[in-house]
Amino acid sequence: MAPHSPAPDPADTGPDRRRQTLIASLRERFALAQSQGDAQAKQALFREAVYLNLPPELWQDPPA
């Protein structure tokens, strides 16, 4: 008989976890595009964020 795997932790699954992962990805990629001065990459990230319904306030660095 195969070992029983534990039930997933509800805190690590679901829409909130997915949303936080998407936000973290957008933040990381935006910071990279910002540091490289890549306007096309930033524009693509804005389009992606609109598609995902994630406003810029969630993933952009606050203005200095």
C-alpha atoms as a PDB file:
ATOM      1  CA  MET A   1       0.000   0.000   0.000  1.00  0.00           C
ATOM      2  CA  ALA A   2       1.343   3.463  -0.972  1.00  0.00           C
ATOM      3  CA  PRO A   3       2.022   6.006   1.781  1.00  0.00           C
ATOM      4  CA  HIS A   4      -0.747   8.507   2.348  1.00  0.00           C
ATOM      5  CA  SER A   5       0.209  12.085   1.441  1.00  0.00           C
ATOM      6  CA  PRO A   6      -0.997  14.806   3.813  1.00  0.00           C
ATOM      7  CA  ALA A   7      -3.859  17.052   2.777  1.00  0.00           C
ATOM      8  CA  PRO A   8      -2.725  20.377   1.297  1.00  0.00           C
ATOM      9  CA  ASP A   9      -2.784  23.328   3.637  1.00  0.00           C
ATOM     10  CA  PRO A  10      -5.743  25.542   2.593  1.00  0.00           C
ATOM     11  CA  ALA A  11      -3.597  28.618   3.246  1.00  0.00           C
ATOM     12  CA  ASP A  12      -1.194  27.504   0.501  1.00  0.00           C
ATOM     13  CA  THR A  13      -3.832  26.924  -2.169  1.00  0.00           C
ATOM     14  CA  GLY A  14      -6.670  28.716  -3.855  1.00  0.00           C
ATOM     15  CA  PRO A  15      -7.209  32.069  -5.479  1.00  0.00           C
ATOM     16  CA  ASP A  16      -5.417  34.155  -2.840  1.00  0.00           C
ATOM     17  CA  ARG A  17      -2.201  32.149  -3.175  1.00  0.00           C
ATOM     18  CA  ARG A  18      -2.410  32.384  -6.980  1.00  0.00           C
ATOM     19  CA  ARG A  19      -3.015  36.140  -6.825  1.00  0.00           C
ATOM     20  CA  GLN A  20      -0.033  36.680  -4.492  1.00  0.00           C
ATOM     21  CA  THR A  21       2.174  34.613  -6.831  1.00  0.00           C
ATOM     22  CA  LEU A  22       1.058  36.693  -9.834  1.00  0.00           C
ATOM     23  CA  ILE A  23       1.710  39.947  -7.968  1.00  0.00           C
ATOM     24  CA  ALA A  24       5.174  38.782  -6.914  1.00  0.00           C
ATOM     25  CA  SER A  25       5.964  37.825 -10.515  1.00  0.00           C
ATOM     26  CA  LEU A  26       4.793  41.193 -11.851  1.00  0.00           C
ATOM     27  CA  ARG A  27       6.852  43.030  -9.198  1.00  0.00           C
ATOM     28  CA  GLU A  28       9.996  41.099 -10.044  1.00  0.00           C
ATOM     29  CA  ARG A  29       9.631  41.501 -13.796  1.00  0.00           C
ATOM     30  CA  PHE A  30       8.704  45.190 -13.495  1.00  0.00           C
ATOM     31  CA  ALA A  31      11.781  45.884 -11.365  1.00  0.00           C
ATOM     32  CA  LEU A  32      13.948  44.162 -13.974  1.00  0.00           C
ATOM     33  CA  ALA A  33      12.354  46.100 -16.849  1.00  0.00           C
ATOM     34  CA  GLN A  34      12.707  49.326 -14.849  1.00  0.00           C
ATOM     35  CA  SER A  35      16.395  48.708 -14.148  1.00  0.00           C
ATOM     36  CA  GLN A  36      17.032  47.942 -17.817  1.00  0.00           C
ATOM     37  CA  GLY A  37      15.004  50.904 -19.056  1.00  0.00           C
ATOM     38  CA  ASP A  38      12.878  48.534 -21.161  1.00  0.00           C
ATOM     39  CA  ALA A  39       9.730  50.486 -22.028  1.00  0.00           C
ATOM     40  CA  GLN A  40       8.314  47.683 -24.196  1.00  0.00           C
ATOM     41  CA  ALA A  41       8.601  45.153 -21.365  1.00  0.00           C
ATOM     42  CA  LYS A  42       6.905  47.576 -18.957  1.00  0.00           C
ATOM     43  CA  GLN A  43       4.081  48.139 -21.435  1.00  0.00           C
ATOM     44  CA  ALA A  44       3.632  44.371 -21.809  1.00  0.00           C
ATOM     45  CA  LEU A  45       3.472  44.025 -18.017  1.00  0.00           C
ATOM     46  CA  PHE A  46       0.762  46.683 -17.827  1.00  0.00           C
ATOM     47  CA  ARG A  47      -1.261  44.805 -20.455  1.00  0.00           C
ATOM     48  CA  GLU A  48      -0.798  41.551 -18.547  1.00  0.00           C
ATOM     49  CA  ALA A  49      -1.844  43.197 -15.286  1.00  0.00           C
ATOM     50  CA  VAL A  50      -4.990  44.636 -16.889  1.00  0.00           C
ATOM     51  CA  TYR A  51      -5.849  41.186 -18.220  1.00  0.00           C
ATOM     52  CA  LEU A  52      -5.338  39.711 -14.731  1.00  0.00           C
ATOM     53  CA  ASN A  53      -7.297  42.573 -13.105  1.00  0.00           C
ATOM     54  CA  LEU A  54      -4.324  43.553 -10.928  1.00  0.00           C
ATOM     55  CA  PRO A  55      -4.058  47.346 -10.551  1.00  0.00           C
ATOM     56  CA  PRO A  56      -0.557  48.864 -10.702  1.00  0.00           C
ATOM     57  CA  GLU A  57      -0.723  49.872  -7.031  1.00  0.00           C
ATOM     58  CA  LEU A  58      -0.390  46.189  -6.137  1.00  0.00           C
ATOM     59  CA  TRP A  59       2.784  45.443  -8.080  1.00  0.00           C
ATOM     60  CA  GLN A  60       4.537  48.722  -8.878  1.00  0.00           C
ATOM     61  CA  ASP A  61       7.049  50.357  -6.591  1.00  0.00           C
ATOM     62  CA  PRO A  62       5.617  53.452  -4.916  1.00  0.00           C
ATOM     63  CA  PRO A  63       6.853  56.731  -6.405  1.00  0.00           C
ATOM     64  CA  ALA A  64      10.028  58.054  -4.799  1.00  0.00           C
END
